[in-house]
């Protein structure tokens, strides 16, 4: 799904973002009139949560390397 590693949400290409949204659509359904609003809300959510996700992954990796 990814073309290369991402450091933050700004690094995610439109193509990769589109593939992520296509995966999201497999699990949820909505009326076609809501498509743009759902996509916009999903983008805003990902921008907020992506930084937290990367921070937790970094912290987990640091802790694992200290133990091993």
C-alpha atoms as a PDB file:
ATOM      1  CA  UNK A   1       0.000   0.000   0.000  1.00  0.00           C
ATOM      2  CA  UNK A   2       2.955   2.344   0.571  1.00  0.00           C
ATOM      3  CA  UNK A   3       5.348   3.619  -2.060  1.00  0.00           C
ATOM      4  CA  UNK A   4       8.011   4.551   0.547  1.00  0.00           C
ATOM      5  CA  UNK A   5       8.369   5.266   4.306  1.00  0.00           C
ATOM      6  CA  UNK A   6       6.565   8.305   5.672  1.00  0.00           C
ATOM      7  CA  UNK A   7       7.827  10.606   8.418  1.00  0.00           C
ATOM      8  CA  UNK A   8       4.546  12.502   8.665  1.00  0.00           C
ATOM      9  CA  UNK A   9       1.194  12.779   6.935  1.00  0.00           C
ATOM     10  CA  UNK A  10       2.518  15.431   4.521  1.00  0.00           C
ATOM     11  CA  UNK A  11       4.840  12.765   3.077  1.00  0.00           C
ATOM     12  CA  UNK A  12       1.884  10.579   2.057  1.00  0.00           C
ATOM     13  CA  UNK A  13       1.315  10.931  -1.668  1.00  0.00           C
ATOM     14  CA  UNK A  14      -2.176  11.459  -3.054  1.00  0.00           C
ATOM     15  CA  UNK A  15      -1.968   7.993  -4.615  1.00  0.00           C
ATOM     16  CA  UNK A  16      -1.077   6.350  -1.283  1.00  0.00           C
ATOM     17  CA  UNK A  17      -3.769   8.364   0.477  1.00  0.00           C
ATOM     18  CA  UNK A  18      -6.257   7.199  -2.145  1.00  0.00           C
ATOM     19  CA  UNK A  19      -5.274   3.566  -1.593  1.00  0.00           C
ATOM     20  CA  UNK A  20      -5.699   4.007   2.167  1.00  0.00           C
ATOM     21  CA  UNK A  21      -9.166   5.465   1.609  1.00  0.00           C
ATOM     22  CA  UNK A  22     -10.066   2.588  -0.720  1.00  0.00           C
ATOM     23  CA  UNK A  23      -9.178   0.143   2.085  1.00  0.00           C
ATOM     24  CA  UNK A  24     -11.315   2.199   4.507  1.00  0.00           C
ATOM     25  CA  UNK A  25     -14.271   1.969   2.094  1.00  0.00           C
ATOM     26  CA  UNK A  26     -14.131  -1.829   2.245  1.00  0.00           C
ATOM     27  CA  UNK A  27     -15.184  -1.733   5.894  1.00  0.00           C
ATOM     28  CA  UNK A  28     -17.739   1.088   5.872  1.00  0.00           C
ATOM     29  CA  UNK A  29     -20.602   2.181   3.654  1.00  0.00           C
ATOM     30  CA  UNK A  30     -22.452   5.462   3.288  1.00  0.00           C
ATOM     31  CA  UNK A  31     -24.761   7.176   0.855  1.00  0.00           C
ATOM     32  CA  UNK A  32     -22.984   8.536  -2.222  1.00  0.00           C
ATOM     33  CA  UNK A  33     -24.098  12.090  -1.365  1.00  0.00           C
ATOM     34  CA  UNK A  34     -21.866  11.880   1.740  1.00  0.00           C
ATOM     35  CA  UNK A  35     -18.728  10.745  -0.107  1.00  0.00           C
ATOM     36  CA  UNK A  36     -16.784  14.040  -0.078  1.00  0.00           C
ATOM     37  CA  UNK A  37     -17.718  14.828   3.527  1.00  0.00           C
ATOM     38  CA  UNK A  38     -16.608  11.368   4.684  1.00  0.00           C
ATOM     39  CA  UNK A  39     -13.340  11.656   2.760  1.00  0.00           C
ATOM     40  CA  UNK A  40     -12.627  15.126   4.188  1.00  0.00           C
ATOM     41  CA  UNK A  41     -13.340  14.012   7.754  1.00  0.00           C
ATOM     42  CA  UNK A  42     -11.170  10.933   7.306  1.00  0.00           C
ATOM     43  CA  UNK A  43      -8.274  13.078   6.036  1.00  0.00           C
ATOM     44  CA  UNK A  44      -8.535  15.429   9.027  1.00  0.00           C
ATOM     45  CA  UNK A  45      -8.607  12.471  11.410  1.00  0.00           C
ATOM     46  CA  UNK A  46      -5.541  10.860   9.802  1.00  0.00           C
ATOM     47  CA  UNK A  47      -3.568  14.103   9.974  1.00  0.00           C
ATOM     48  CA  UNK A  48      -4.191  14.353  13.726  1.00  0.00           C
ATOM     49  CA  UNK A  49      -3.592  10.691  14.540  1.00  0.00           C
ATOM     50  CA  UNK A  50      -0.624   9.981  12.265  1.00  0.00           C
ATOM     51  CA  UNK A  51       1.851  11.928  14.420  1.00  0.00           C
ATOM     52  CA  UNK A  52       0.722  10.044  17.524  1.00  0.00           C
ATOM     53  CA  UNK A  53       0.986   6.712  15.732  1.00  0.00           C
ATOM     54  CA  UNK A  54       4.560   7.407  14.622  1.00  0.00           C
ATOM     55  CA  UNK A  55       5.578   8.616  18.098  1.00  0.00           C
ATOM     56  CA  UNK A  56       4.260   5.461  19.721  1.00  0.00           C
ATOM     57  CA  UNK A  57       6.027   3.273  17.146  1.00  0.00           C
ATOM     58  CA  UNK A  58       9.304   5.131  17.727  1.00  0.00           C
ATOM     59  CA  UNK A  59       8.979   4.850  21.516  1.00  0.00           C
ATOM     60  CA  UNK A  60       8.187   1.140  21.279  1.00  0.00           C
ATOM     61  CA  UNK A  61      11.224   0.537  19.064  1.00  0.00           C
ATOM     62  CA  UNK A  62      13.533   2.493  21.383  1.00  0.00           C
ATOM     63  CA  UNK A  63      12.299   0.529  24.400  1.00  0.00           C
ATOM     64  CA  UNK A  64      12.738  -2.784  22.592  1.00  0.00           C
ATOM     65  CA  UNK A  65      16.321  -1.988  21.564  1.00  0.00           C
ATOM     66  CA  UNK A  66      17.260  -0.969  25.126  1.00  0.00           C
ATOM     67  CA  UNK A  67      15.978  -4.300  26.462  1.00  0.00           C
ATOM     68  CA  UNK A  68      17.576  -6.495  23.799  1.00  0.00           C
END
